[in-house]
Amino acid sequence: MYEELFISDSSYATEVPKISTTSELWLEWNYLERKLNKLMRFVRVQDAEAIRSILMDLAFVSDRYIGRAGDNGAIVLDTDSTLSLEKIVL
């Protein structure tokens, strides 16, 4: 048996007093991968404002989109609300 830390504070007791469970929310990989790729591009050009925008967007996505979470906790998003990459020359 191993121990995991919960991301949120919403844990629930089980039949065994020393064991808790939770239903954590997480981002669908396709959405997260696009965000991470965009983040890497902004890191390369050292755009602090854009980096902060992406990180803040990712940090609070579960708060804004909890209603879109599936039964397995996946938040499925197909929109990208952060700054565009138009100014970046790769």
C-alpha atoms as a PDB file:
ATOM      1  CA  MET A   1       0.000   0.000   0.000  1.00  0.00           C
ATOM      2  CA  TYR A   2       1.198   3.527  -0.704  1.00  0.00           C
ATOM      3  CA  GLU A   3       0.220   7.042   0.277  1.00  0.00           C
ATOM      4  CA  GLU A   4      -0.956   9.816  -2.042  1.00  0.00           C
ATOM      5  CA  LEU A   5      -1.555  13.468  -1.354  1.00  0.00           C
ATOM      6  CA  PHE A   6      -4.876  14.926  -2.411  1.00  0.00           C
ATOM      7  CA  ILE A   7      -4.922  18.005  -4.623  1.00  0.00           C
ATOM      8  CA  SER A   8      -8.140  19.350  -3.158  1.00  0.00           C
ATOM      9  CA  ASP A   9      -9.529  19.399   0.360  1.00  0.00           C
ATOM     10  CA  SER A  10     -12.484  17.248  -0.588  1.00  0.00           C
ATOM     11  CA  SER A  11     -11.638  13.859   0.866  1.00  0.00           C
ATOM     12  CA  TYR A  12     -14.186  11.349   2.107  1.00  0.00           C
ATOM     13  CA  ALA A  13     -13.994   8.729   4.847  1.00  0.00           C
ATOM     14  CA  THR A  14     -14.246   5.046   3.949  1.00  0.00           C
ATOM     15  CA  GLU A  15     -15.241   2.015   6.019  1.00  0.00           C
ATOM     16  CA  VAL A  16     -11.640   1.859   7.216  1.00  0.00           C
ATOM     17  CA  PRO A  17     -10.985   4.812   9.560  1.00  0.00           C
ATOM     18  CA  LYS A  18      -7.381   5.371   8.412  1.00  0.00           C
ATOM     19  CA  ILE A  19      -8.243   5.367   4.699  1.00  0.00           C
ATOM     20  CA  SER A  20      -9.783   8.281   2.797  1.00  0.00           C
ATOM     21  CA  THR A  21     -10.774   8.702  -0.816  1.00  0.00           C
ATOM     22  CA  THR A  22     -11.455  11.642  -3.106  1.00  0.00           C
ATOM     23  CA  SER A  23     -12.766  12.512  -6.536  1.00  0.00           C
ATOM     24  CA  GLU A  24     -10.064  14.787  -7.933  1.00  0.00           C
ATOM     25  CA  LEU A  25     -10.591  16.843 -11.059  1.00  0.00           C
ATOM     26  CA  TRP A  26      -7.970  16.733 -13.809  1.00  0.00           C
ATOM     27  CA  LEU A  27      -7.481  18.180 -17.276  1.00  0.00           C
ATOM     28  CA  GLU A  28      -7.933  16.079 -20.367  1.00  0.00           C
ATOM     29  CA  TRP A  29      -4.485  15.396 -21.870  1.00  0.00           C
ATOM     30  CA  ASN A  30      -5.214  16.996 -25.275  1.00  0.00           C
ATOM     31  CA  TYR A  31      -6.029  20.323 -23.606  1.00  0.00           C
ATOM     32  CA  LEU A  32      -3.121  20.170 -21.161  1.00  0.00           C
ATOM     33  CA  GLU A  33      -0.635  19.228 -23.876  1.00  0.00           C
ATOM     34  CA  ARG A  34      -1.621  22.267 -25.981  1.00  0.00           C
ATOM     35  CA  LYS A  35      -1.207  24.509 -22.935  1.00  0.00           C
ATOM     36  CA  LEU A  36       2.202  23.037 -22.126  1.00  0.00           C
ATOM     37  CA  ASN A  37       3.413  23.454 -25.703  1.00  0.00           C
ATOM     38  CA  LYS A  38       2.260  27.055 -25.681  1.00  0.00           C
ATOM     39  CA  LEU A  39       3.965  27.580 -22.321  1.00  0.00           C
ATOM     40  CA  MET A  40       7.259  26.219 -23.693  1.00  0.00           C
ATOM     41  CA  ARG A  41       7.123  28.644 -26.628  1.00  0.00           C
ATOM     42  CA  PHE A  42       6.603  31.612 -24.309  1.00  0.00           C
ATOM     43  CA  VAL A  43       9.441  30.414 -22.073  1.00  0.00           C
ATOM     44  CA  ARG A  44      11.773  30.357 -25.089  1.00  0.00           C
ATOM     45  CA  VAL A  45      11.047  34.024 -25.830  1.00  0.00           C
ATOM     46  CA  GLN A  46      10.955  34.938 -22.122  1.00  0.00           C
ATOM     47  CA  ASP A  47       7.464  36.474 -22.227  1.00  0.00           C
ATOM     48  CA  ALA A  48       6.714  36.703 -18.496  1.00  0.00           C
ATOM     49  CA  GLU A  49       3.190  38.090 -18.973  1.00  0.00           C
ATOM     50  CA  ALA A  50       2.148  35.228 -21.251  1.00  0.00           C
ATOM     51  CA  ILE A  51       3.788  32.630 -18.984  1.00  0.00           C
ATOM     52  CA  ARG A  52       1.919  33.993 -15.991  1.00  0.00           C
ATOM     53  CA  SER A  53      -1.350  34.018 -17.935  1.00  0.00           C
ATOM     54  CA  ILE A  54      -1.034  30.353 -18.863  1.00  0.00           C
ATOM     55  CA  LEU A  55       0.010  29.275 -15.364  1.00  0.00           C
ATOM     56  CA  MET A  56      -2.846  31.184 -13.736  1.00  0.00           C
ATOM     57  CA  ASP A  57      -5.275  29.709 -16.242  1.00  0.00           C
ATOM     58  CA  LEU A  58      -4.089  26.184 -15.438  1.00  0.00           C
ATOM     59  CA  ALA A  59      -4.018  26.783 -11.675  1.00  0.00           C
ATOM     60  CA  PHE A  60      -7.678  27.744 -11.454  1.00  0.00           C
ATOM     61  CA  VAL A  61      -9.225  25.765 -14.298  1.00  0.00           C
ATOM     62  CA  SER A  62     -10.998  23.314 -11.974  1.00  0.00           C
ATOM     63  CA  ASP A  63     -12.694  26.165 -10.108  1.00  0.00           C
ATOM     64  CA  ARG A  64     -14.105  27.634 -13.333  1.00  0.00           C
ATOM     65  CA  TYR A  65     -15.068  24.420 -15.124  1.00  0.00           C
ATOM     66  CA  ILE A  66     -16.158  22.025 -12.387  1.00  0.00           C
ATOM     67  CA  GLY A  67     -19.509  21.644 -14.141  1.00  0.00           C
ATOM     68  CA  ARG A  68     -17.762  20.213 -17.214  1.00  0.00           C
ATOM     69  CA  ALA A  69     -16.085  17.376 -15.327  1.00  0.00           C
ATOM     70  CA  GLY A  70     -17.016  13.885 -16.397  1.00  0.00           C
ATOM     71  CA  ASP A  71     -17.758  10.963 -14.093  1.00  0.00           C
ATOM     72  CA  ASN A  72     -14.040  10.141 -13.982  1.00  0.00           C
ATOM     73  CA  GLY A  73     -13.099  13.708 -12.970  1.00  0.00           C
ATOM     74  CA  ALA A  74     -11.735  14.753 -16.366  1.00  0.00           C
ATOM     75  CA  ILE A  75     -12.389  18.350 -17.318  1.00  0.00           C
ATOM     76  CA  VAL A  76     -12.796  18.404 -21.080  1.00  0.00           C
ATOM     77  CA  LEU A  77     -12.113  21.766 -22.690  1.00  0.00           C
ATOM     78  CA  ASP A  78     -11.685  22.635 -26.320  1.00  0.00           C
ATOM     79  CA  THR A  79     -11.072  26.351 -25.926  1.00  0.00           C
ATOM     80  CA  ASP A  80      -7.878  28.212 -25.167  1.00  0.00           C
ATOM     81  CA  SER A  81      -8.434  31.440 -23.291  1.00  0.00           C
ATOM     82  CA  THR A  82      -4.795  32.472 -22.903  1.00  0.00           C
ATOM     83  CA  LEU A  83      -2.801  34.804 -25.103  1.00  0.00           C
ATOM     84  CA  SER A  84      -2.244  33.874 -28.720  1.00  0.00           C
ATOM     85  CA  LEU A  85       1.075  32.842 -30.203  1.00  0.00           C
ATOM     86  CA  GLU A  86       0.841  35.208 -33.159  1.00  0.00           C
ATOM     87  CA  LYS A  87       3.733  37.377 -31.995  1.00  0.00           C
ATOM     88  CA  ILE A  88       6.141  34.468 -31.625  1.00  0.00           C
ATOM     89  CA  VAL A  89       8.502  33.606 -34.419  1.00  0.00           C
ATOM     90  CA  LEU A  90       9.692  30.022 -34.059  1.00  0.00           C
END
